[in-house]
Amino acid sequence: MTQSADIIAHCQQIHDDLDFAHARAWKAAAPGRKVIGFLPVYVPLELIHAAGCLPLGLFGGGDRVEVIHGDAYYQSYICRIPRSTVELGVSGRLDFVDGMLFPFVCDVIRNLSGMWKLMFPGVWSKFFDTPQNFDPAVGGAYYVEELRELRDGLAALTGRPIEEAALRASIALYNDNRRLVRAVYAARAAEPWRAPAADVYVLMRAGLMMPVEEHNRLLADYLAAIAAEARPRRDNVRVAIYGSFCEQPPLALIRSIEMAGCYVVEDDYALVNRFLTADVATEGDPLQALSDAYLGHSVETACKYVPVEADKGRFHLDRVRDCGAEGVIYASPSFCDPALLDRPMICHRLTEAGIPHIAFKYAENSGQMQPIREQAGTFADSIKLWS
C-alpha cells in the first residue's frame, strides 16, 4: 500500500514548483493540449476539463518568489497575490499557459484581468463573474449566460465545441472529486492526528495543478493510507480556520498553528474543489445544473454576498459545530477587503454563540512565524484552561 508520506511528498513537489513542470509535462504529452490558469476562489472546472484543457490553479507566488516587477504594476496597499501573480507572468513561469480566468473576488482581481490582457495579448483572458443575486430567475439566469459565454470562449480557444455529453462526463468526474475531498475533510475532523493540516493542504493545492483523474486516485490512496497508519495522538485543541479563502498563507504558517497545539479540523483554504457542497446534476442541461448547484449548494465566504437578514454567519456556526471545533482562528491576508469586512460580522456571531475565537493577519510571504505560533498557542491554552 502506498504510504501517506509518499503521496504528500509528491504533492509537496508539485506545490513548491513555481515553474509548473507537472503541468508543462501534461501539455507536452499530446499535441494540441491547452492549459487554462485560474485564480481563486471559484471557477467551474468542469467546463475547462470538458474542453480538453488542464485547469491550473494559480494562488500567487507564495513565499518563494521575490516580487520585483509586480510592484511596478500595483500599489503597495493591496494584498500581495496580484503582485506575485504578475511576477510569475513577467518572469516567464506562465509562458506555457494558453488562457487565464479571473473570477470575481474583489476589485483587485477584476482589474488584474484587464491588466493581463494588456500585458499578455496573446493569452486568452476572461473575467468570470459569479452572481450575487440568488434568485434563480435573476442570478440563476445570469449565471447560465455567463457559463455559456465561458463555454463558447473555451471552444473558440481550442477550435472544437464542448458537447453536452462531454460536460456531463466532466461533471461526474468532479462530483467524484468533491466526494473524495469531503471524505478527506471528514476523516481529518474525526481523527485529526492522522491527517496533519499541512499535508491535507498540499494534497488539495497539488490537486488543482493536475488532471482531476489523477487527483481522484491520490485522494483515494491517501484515505486508505491514513486509515491504515498509526500516528501519535496529542492533547491538541480542535480549531477551525476561516478568512484564508483567496491569498493563501505560507505553508510554515499552517504548520506553526498545529505545532502550537491546535488540530485544524476545518478551514477555507483553496476553496475551489469544495466550493460546491453537493453533487451537480448529471441529467438535463449541464449549464443549468452548474448554475443551480452554485445558487443552492455553495459555501458562504466573504466574496459571496449574504445579507445580514439572511442569517449571515449561520453557515460558519454550523460548520464549526459539525466538525467539533472548540475554537475559531480568523486568519485573513493583509489588505484583503472582503475578509476584513466580513471578519467583524462572523466574529460577532461566534461571540453570540459562545465560541472562542482569535483573529490575525498575514501575507503570503510572511517570514516570521513565532508571533503567530505564540498567539495560537496562547489561544489553545486558554481553551484548555477556561472553555
Protein backbone atom coordinates (compact mmCIF):
# COMPACT_ATOMS: atom_id res chain seq x y z
CA MET A 1 0.00 0.00 0.00
CA THR A 2 1.17 3.50 -0.82
CA GLN A 3 2.30 5.39 2.27
CA SER A 4 0.73 8.77 3.03
CA ALA A 5 4.23 10.29 3.30
CA ASP A 6 4.96 9.31 -0.31
CA ILE A 7 1.70 10.86 -1.51
CA ILE A 8 2.36 14.10 0.38
CA ALA A 9 5.97 14.24 -0.84
CA HIS A 10 4.73 14.02 -4.44
CA CYS A 11 2.11 16.72 -3.80
CA GLN A 12 4.61 18.92 -1.99
CA GLN A 13 6.93 18.79 -5.01
CA ILE A 14 4.10 19.95 -7.28
CA HIS A 15 3.01 22.62 -4.78
CA ASP A 16 6.55 24.00 -4.45
CA ASP A 17 7.39 24.03 -8.16
CA LEU A 18 6.71 27.53 -9.45
CA ASP A 19 7.92 26.51 -12.92
CA PHE A 20 4.94 24.11 -13.06
CA ALA A 21 6.85 21.14 -14.52
CA HIS A 22 3.94 18.76 -13.87
CA ALA A 23 1.50 20.87 -15.89
CA ARG A 24 4.12 21.51 -18.60
CA ALA A 25 4.66 17.75 -18.94
CA TRP A 26 0.91 17.18 -19.29
CA LYS A 27 0.72 19.75 -22.07
CA ALA A 28 3.74 18.37 -23.89
CA ALA A 29 2.44 14.78 -23.76
CA ALA A 30 0.00 15.25 -26.66
CA PRO A 31 -0.32 17.79 -29.48
CA GLY A 32 -2.96 20.48 -29.18
CA ARG A 33 -3.30 20.35 -25.41
CA LYS A 34 -4.00 23.66 -23.68
CA VAL A 35 -3.67 24.88 -20.11
CA ILE A 36 -6.08 27.34 -18.51
CA GLY A 37 -4.85 29.16 -15.43
CA PHE A 38 -7.36 30.35 -12.87
CA LEU A 39 -7.20 32.46 -9.75
CA PRO A 40 -9.15 31.82 -6.55
CA VAL A 41 -11.86 31.47 -5.32
CA TYR A 42 -14.17 29.55 -7.67
CA VAL A 43 -14.43 28.70 -11.35
CA PRO A 44 -16.39 25.81 -12.94
CA LEU A 45 -13.52 23.39 -13.50
CA GLU A 46 -15.91 21.04 -15.28
CA LEU A 47 -16.11 23.35 -18.29
CA ILE A 48 -12.32 23.58 -18.61
CA HIS A 49 -12.00 19.80 -18.36
CA ALA A 50 -14.77 19.20 -20.89
CA ALA A 51 -12.92 21.46 -23.33
CA GLY A 52 -9.96 19.07 -23.11
CA CYS A 53 -7.86 21.60 -21.19
CA LEU A 54 -5.99 21.35 -17.90
CA PRO A 55 -7.21 23.72 -15.16
CA LEU A 56 -4.16 25.19 -13.42
CA GLY A 57 -4.76 26.76 -10.01
CA LEU A 58 -2.70 29.92 -9.52
CA PHE A 59 -2.61 31.17 -5.94
CA GLY A 60 0.21 33.68 -6.22
CA GLY A 61 3.91 33.12 -5.72
CA GLY A 62 3.86 32.28 -2.04
CA ASP A 63 6.97 32.98 0.00
CA ARG A 64 9.37 31.64 -2.63
CA VAL A 65 9.07 34.46 -5.17
CA GLU A 66 10.75 37.80 -4.76
CA VAL A 67 8.38 40.37 -6.21
CA ILE A 68 10.29 42.95 -8.22
CA HIS A 69 8.40 43.67 -11.43
CA GLY A 70 5.00 43.03 -9.86
CA ASP A 71 5.38 46.02 -7.55
CA ALA A 72 5.57 48.29 -10.60
CA TYR A 73 2.04 47.31 -11.63
CA TYR A 74 0.17 47.56 -8.33
CA GLN A 75 0.16 49.88 -5.37
CA SER A 76 1.52 48.71 -2.03
CA TYR A 77 -1.72 48.98 -0.04
CA ILE A 78 -3.42 45.93 -1.53
CA CYS A 79 -2.88 42.23 -0.91
CA ARG A 80 0.18 40.55 -2.36
CA ILE A 81 -1.45 37.92 -4.59
CA PRO A 82 -1.88 40.15 -7.71
CA ARG A 83 1.69 41.42 -7.50
CA SER A 84 3.18 37.94 -7.12
CA THR A 85 0.94 36.62 -9.92
CA VAL A 86 2.20 39.39 -12.19
CA GLU A 87 5.73 38.38 -11.17
CA LEU A 88 5.04 34.80 -12.25
CA GLY A 89 3.84 36.12 -15.60
CA VAL A 90 6.60 38.59 -16.42
CA SER A 91 9.31 36.15 -15.26
CA GLY A 92 8.20 33.62 -17.89
CA ARG A 93 6.95 30.99 -15.47
CA LEU A 94 3.50 31.06 -17.10
CA ASP A 95 4.67 31.18 -20.72
CA PHE A 96 3.00 27.82 -21.42
CA VAL A 97 -0.45 28.91 -20.21
CA ASP A 98 -2.95 29.42 -23.07
CA GLY A 99 -5.77 31.08 -21.14
CA MET A 100 -6.47 32.80 -17.84
CA LEU A 101 -9.66 33.05 -15.81
CA PHE A 102 -10.10 35.77 -13.22
CA PRO A 103 -13.19 35.02 -11.11
CA PHE A 104 -14.92 37.71 -9.13
CA VAL A 105 -13.34 38.05 -5.70
CA CYS A 106 -12.69 41.76 -5.38
CA ASP A 107 -11.85 44.84 -7.44
CA VAL A 108 -8.16 43.93 -7.42
CA ILE A 109 -8.70 40.60 -9.20
CA ARG A 110 -11.21 42.25 -11.55
CA ASN A 111 -8.57 44.82 -12.51
CA LEU A 112 -5.91 42.13 -12.85
CA SER A 113 -7.93 40.54 -15.63
CA GLY A 114 -7.75 43.74 -17.67
CA MET A 115 -4.06 44.21 -16.97
CA TRP A 116 -3.35 40.64 -18.06
CA LYS A 117 -4.94 41.33 -21.44
CA LEU A 118 -2.68 44.35 -21.88
CA MET A 119 0.45 42.60 -20.66
CA PHE A 120 -0.10 39.29 -22.48
CA PRO A 121 -2.25 39.98 -25.55
CA GLY A 122 -1.56 36.53 -26.95
CA VAL A 123 -3.20 34.81 -23.98
CA TRP A 124 -6.97 34.30 -23.93
CA SER A 125 -8.11 36.05 -20.75
CA LYS A 126 -11.55 36.37 -19.23
CA PHE A 127 -13.05 37.99 -16.18
CA PHE A 128 -15.52 35.42 -14.89
CA ASP A 129 -18.35 36.95 -12.90
CA THR A 130 -20.46 34.96 -10.48
CA PRO A 131 -23.92 36.04 -9.33
CA GLN A 132 -24.56 37.88 -6.08
CA ASN A 133 -28.32 37.59 -6.51
CA PHE A 134 -29.52 34.09 -5.64
CA ASP A 135 -32.98 34.29 -7.15
CA PRO A 136 -32.97 31.56 -9.85
CA ALA A 137 -34.92 33.81 -12.19
CA VAL A 138 -32.38 36.62 -11.83
CA GLY A 139 -28.95 35.47 -10.64
CA GLY A 140 -29.53 31.96 -11.92
CA ALA A 141 -30.46 33.10 -15.42
CA TYR A 142 -27.50 35.49 -15.43
CA TYR A 143 -25.11 32.74 -14.38
CA VAL A 144 -26.29 30.37 -17.10
CA GLU A 145 -25.42 33.06 -19.64
CA GLU A 146 -22.02 33.61 -18.02
CA LEU A 147 -21.37 29.86 -18.20
CA ARG A 148 -22.46 29.80 -21.84
CA GLU A 149 -20.07 32.65 -22.64
CA LEU A 150 -17.25 30.78 -20.90
CA ARG A 151 -18.10 27.58 -22.79
CA ASP A 152 -18.07 29.40 -26.13
CA GLY A 153 -14.79 31.15 -25.30
CA LEU A 154 -13.11 27.85 -24.46
CA ALA A 155 -14.49 26.30 -27.65
CA ALA A 156 -13.07 29.16 -29.70
CA LEU A 157 -9.69 28.76 -28.00
CA THR A 158 -9.48 25.00 -28.62
CA GLY A 159 -11.16 25.06 -32.01
CA ARG A 160 -13.79 22.47 -31.10
CA PRO A 161 -17.22 22.73 -29.47
CA ILE A 162 -17.91 21.42 -25.98
CA GLU A 163 -20.53 18.72 -26.32
CA GLU A 164 -23.15 18.28 -23.60
CA ALA A 165 -22.15 14.63 -23.17
CA ALA A 166 -18.54 15.65 -22.54
CA LEU A 167 -19.63 18.26 -19.99
CA ARG A 168 -21.83 15.75 -18.17
CA ALA A 169 -18.90 13.31 -18.02
CA SER A 170 -16.69 16.06 -16.58
CA ILE A 171 -19.35 16.97 -14.03
CA ALA A 172 -19.46 13.31 -12.93
CA LEU A 173 -15.66 13.26 -12.51
CA TYR A 174 -15.71 16.42 -10.42
CA ASN A 175 -18.62 15.09 -8.38
CA ASP A 176 -16.32 12.16 -7.55
CA ASN A 177 -13.55 14.62 -6.70
CA ARG A 178 -15.77 16.64 -4.37
CA ARG A 179 -16.95 13.47 -2.61
CA LEU A 180 -13.37 12.35 -2.07
CA VAL A 181 -12.34 15.82 -0.86
CA ARG A 182 -15.24 15.83 1.60
CA ALA A 183 -14.19 12.35 2.74
CA VAL A 184 -10.65 13.58 3.45
CA TYR A 185 -12.01 16.52 5.44
CA ALA A 186 -14.41 14.23 7.33
CA ALA A 187 -11.58 11.81 8.14
CA ARG A 188 -9.43 14.68 9.39
CA ALA A 189 -12.27 16.06 11.52
CA ALA A 190 -12.83 12.62 13.04
CA GLU A 191 -9.15 11.84 13.74
CA PRO A 192 -7.05 14.94 13.02
CA TRP A 193 -3.82 13.38 14.26
CA ARG A 194 -3.90 11.07 11.21
CA ALA A 195 -4.12 13.93 8.67
CA PRO A 196 -1.95 16.94 9.56
CA ALA A 197 -3.24 20.27 8.30
CA ALA A 198 -0.19 20.95 6.11
CA ASP A 199 -0.48 17.50 4.49
CA VAL A 200 -4.13 17.99 3.63
CA TYR A 201 -3.35 21.47 2.34
CA VAL A 202 -0.67 20.38 -0.15
CA LEU A 203 -2.83 17.43 -1.20
CA MET A 204 -5.60 19.86 -2.15
CA ARG A 205 -3.34 22.51 -3.69
CA ALA A 206 -1.48 19.99 -5.85
CA GLY A 207 -4.83 18.62 -6.99
CA LEU A 208 -5.58 21.96 -8.60
CA MET A 209 -2.47 21.61 -10.77
CA MET A 210 -3.05 18.14 -12.18
CA PRO A 211 -5.78 16.28 -14.11
CA VAL A 212 -8.79 15.53 -11.94
CA GLU A 213 -8.49 11.81 -12.71
CA GLU A 214 -5.00 11.80 -11.18
CA HIS A 215 -6.16 13.74 -8.14
CA ASN A 216 -9.04 11.36 -7.56
CA ARG A 217 -6.59 8.44 -7.41
CA LEU A 218 -4.34 10.32 -4.99
CA LEU A 219 -7.27 11.20 -2.72
CA ALA A 220 -8.45 7.59 -2.60
CA ASP A 221 -4.91 6.35 -1.90
CA TYR A 222 -4.44 8.96 0.84
CA LEU A 223 -7.68 7.97 2.57
CA ALA A 224 -6.62 4.31 2.52
CA ALA A 225 -3.13 5.16 3.76
CA ILE A 226 -4.12 7.29 6.76
CA ALA A 227 -6.71 4.73 7.81
CA ALA A 228 -4.00 2.05 7.96
CA GLU A 229 -1.21 4.07 9.56
CA ALA A 230 -0.68 4.59 13.27
CA ARG A 231 0.10 8.15 14.38
CA PRO A 232 0.51 9.57 17.88
CA ARG A 233 -2.45 11.44 19.31
CA ARG A 234 -1.70 14.67 21.15
CA ASP A 235 -3.67 16.80 23.55
CA ASN A 236 -4.35 19.46 20.93
CA VAL A 237 -7.31 21.80 20.71
CA ARG A 238 -9.62 21.40 17.71
CA VAL A 239 -9.87 24.63 15.70
CA ALA A 240 -11.50 25.87 12.50
CA ILE A 241 -9.69 28.43 10.34
CA TYR A 242 -11.53 31.00 8.23
CA GLY A 243 -10.57 34.09 6.25
CA SER A 244 -7.89 32.49 4.03
CA PHE A 245 -10.08 31.77 1.02
CA CYS A 246 -8.11 33.78 -1.56
CA GLU A 247 -4.49 34.67 -0.83
CA GLN A 248 -3.03 31.59 0.79
CA PRO A 249 -0.88 31.56 3.92
CA PRO A 250 2.70 30.27 3.79
CA LEU A 251 2.92 26.57 4.48
CA ALA A 252 5.05 27.39 7.51
CA LEU A 253 2.11 29.31 9.00
CA ILE A 254 -0.18 26.29 8.69
CA ARG A 255 2.45 24.11 10.33
CA SER A 256 3.05 26.69 13.06
CA ILE A 257 -0.59 26.69 14.10
CA GLU A 258 -0.58 22.93 14.53
CA MET A 259 2.79 22.98 16.30
CA ALA A 260 1.25 25.47 18.73
CA GLY A 261 -1.15 22.81 19.99
CA CYS A 262 -4.04 23.11 17.52
CA TYR A 263 -5.60 20.42 15.38
CA VAL A 264 -7.09 22.10 12.31
CA VAL A 265 -10.38 20.27 11.68
CA GLU A 266 -11.97 22.79 9.29
CA ASP A 267 -10.65 25.53 7.00
CA ASP A 268 -11.42 27.58 3.92
CA TYR A 269 -8.03 27.19 2.24
CA ALA A 270 -8.07 26.83 -1.60
CA LEU A 271 -11.83 26.52 -1.73
CA VAL A 272 -12.19 25.69 -5.42
CA ASN A 273 -12.62 21.94 -5.16
CA ARG A 274 -15.16 22.16 -2.32
CA PHE A 275 -16.95 25.42 -3.10
CA LEU A 276 -19.95 23.32 -4.13
CA THR A 277 -21.20 21.26 -1.20
CA ALA A 278 -23.35 18.75 -3.11
CA ASP A 279 -23.24 16.86 -6.39
CA VAL A 280 -24.06 18.70 -9.58
CA ALA A 281 -26.89 17.02 -11.52
CA THR A 282 -25.69 14.96 -14.49
CA GLU A 283 -29.08 14.96 -16.21
CA GLY A 284 -30.74 17.77 -18.13
CA ASP A 285 -29.00 20.96 -19.23
CA PRO A 286 -25.49 20.83 -17.69
CA LEU A 287 -25.13 24.63 -17.65
CA GLN A 288 -28.39 24.93 -15.73
CA ALA A 289 -27.19 22.18 -13.39
CA LEU A 290 -23.97 24.10 -12.65
CA SER A 291 -25.97 27.26 -12.04
CA ASP A 292 -28.44 25.51 -9.72
CA ALA A 293 -25.58 23.98 -7.72
CA TYR A 294 -23.89 27.35 -7.27
CA LEU A 295 -27.11 29.02 -6.15
CA GLY A 296 -28.32 26.26 -3.87
CA HIS A 297 -25.26 24.35 -2.70
CA SER A 298 -22.22 26.56 -2.28
CA VAL A 299 -20.22 27.67 0.72
CA GLU A 300 -20.62 31.01 2.45
CA THR A 301 -17.48 33.08 2.04
CA ALA A 302 -16.53 36.75 2.07
CA CYS A 303 -16.66 37.19 -1.71
CA LYS A 304 -20.22 35.89 -1.85
CA TYR A 305 -22.92 38.31 -0.76
CA VAL A 306 -25.05 37.10 2.12
CA PRO A 307 -27.26 39.79 3.69
CA VAL A 308 -27.37 40.02 7.47
CA GLU A 309 -31.11 39.43 7.42
CA ALA A 310 -30.48 36.09 5.69
CA ASP A 311 -28.82 34.84 8.90
CA LYS A 312 -25.28 35.68 7.85
CA GLY A 313 -22.75 33.62 9.75
CA ARG A 314 -25.08 30.69 10.36
CA PHE A 315 -23.07 28.67 7.80
CA HIS A 316 -19.89 29.11 9.85
CA LEU A 317 -21.61 28.24 13.12
CA ASP A 318 -23.00 25.06 11.61
CA ARG A 319 -19.61 24.08 10.18
CA VAL A 320 -17.85 24.69 13.49
CA ARG A 321 -20.34 22.50 15.33
CA ASP A 322 -20.40 19.78 12.67
CA CYS A 323 -16.63 19.32 12.75
CA GLY A 324 -16.43 19.53 16.53
CA ALA A 325 -14.16 22.57 16.62
CA GLU A 326 -13.56 24.07 20.05
CA GLY A 327 -12.48 27.46 18.71
CA VAL A 328 -12.01 29.51 15.55
CA ILE A 329 -8.98 31.30 14.16
CA TYR A 330 -9.93 34.03 11.70
CA ALA A 331 -6.74 34.45 9.65
CA SER A 332 -7.02 36.99 6.86
CA PRO A 333 -4.44 38.40 4.44
CA SER A 334 -3.33 41.96 4.98
CA PHE A 335 -5.35 44.39 2.84
CA CYS A 336 -7.95 41.74 1.91
CA ASP A 337 -11.06 43.94 1.91
CA PRO A 338 -13.64 41.10 1.62
CA ALA A 339 -12.12 39.15 4.53
CA LEU A 340 -11.57 42.18 6.74
CA LEU A 341 -15.10 43.45 6.12
CA ASP A 342 -16.55 40.02 6.86
CA ARG A 343 -14.50 39.38 9.97
CA PRO A 344 -16.41 41.53 12.50
CA MET A 345 -19.75 40.07 11.38
CA ILE A 346 -18.56 36.45 11.59
CA CYS A 347 -16.74 37.03 14.89
CA HIS A 348 -19.86 38.70 16.31
CA ARG A 349 -21.85 35.54 15.55
CA LEU A 350 -19.13 33.41 17.16
CA THR A 351 -19.25 35.59 20.27
CA GLU A 352 -23.04 35.30 20.43
CA ALA A 353 -22.73 31.52 20.19
CA GLY A 354 -20.06 31.40 22.91
CA ILE A 355 -17.39 30.01 20.56
CA PRO A 356 -13.84 31.16 21.45
CA HIS A 357 -12.03 32.90 18.60
CA ILE A 358 -9.00 35.00 17.76
CA ALA A 359 -8.01 36.90 14.62
CA PHE A 360 -4.76 37.87 12.96
CA LYS A 361 -3.47 38.97 9.55
CA TYR A 362 -0.71 37.56 7.37
CA ALA A 363 0.85 37.93 3.91
CA GLU A 364 1.71 35.06 1.58
CA ASN A 365 5.41 35.86 2.09
CA SER A 366 5.26 36.14 5.88
CA GLY A 367 8.61 35.04 7.23
CA GLN A 368 8.28 35.46 10.99
CA MET A 369 6.08 32.70 12.40
CA GLN A 370 6.98 32.89 16.08
CA PRO A 371 4.41 35.60 17.00
CA ILE A 372 1.66 33.66 15.21
CA ARG A 373 2.71 30.43 16.90
CA GLU A 374 2.70 32.14 20.29
CA GLN A 375 -0.74 33.65 19.66
CA ALA A 376 -2.17 30.32 18.53
CA GLY A 377 -0.54 28.54 21.46
CA THR A 378 -1.97 31.02 23.95
CA PHE A 379 -5.39 30.58 22.34
CA ALA A 380 -5.15 26.80 22.62
CA ASP A 381 -4.07 27.01 26.27
CA SER A 382 -6.92 29.38 27.11
CA ILE A 383 -9.46 26.93 25.66
CA LYS A 384 -7.98 24.07 27.67
CA LEU A 385 -7.98 26.10 30.88
CA TRP A 386 -11.21 28.04 30.76
CA SER A 387 -13.52 26.90 28.00
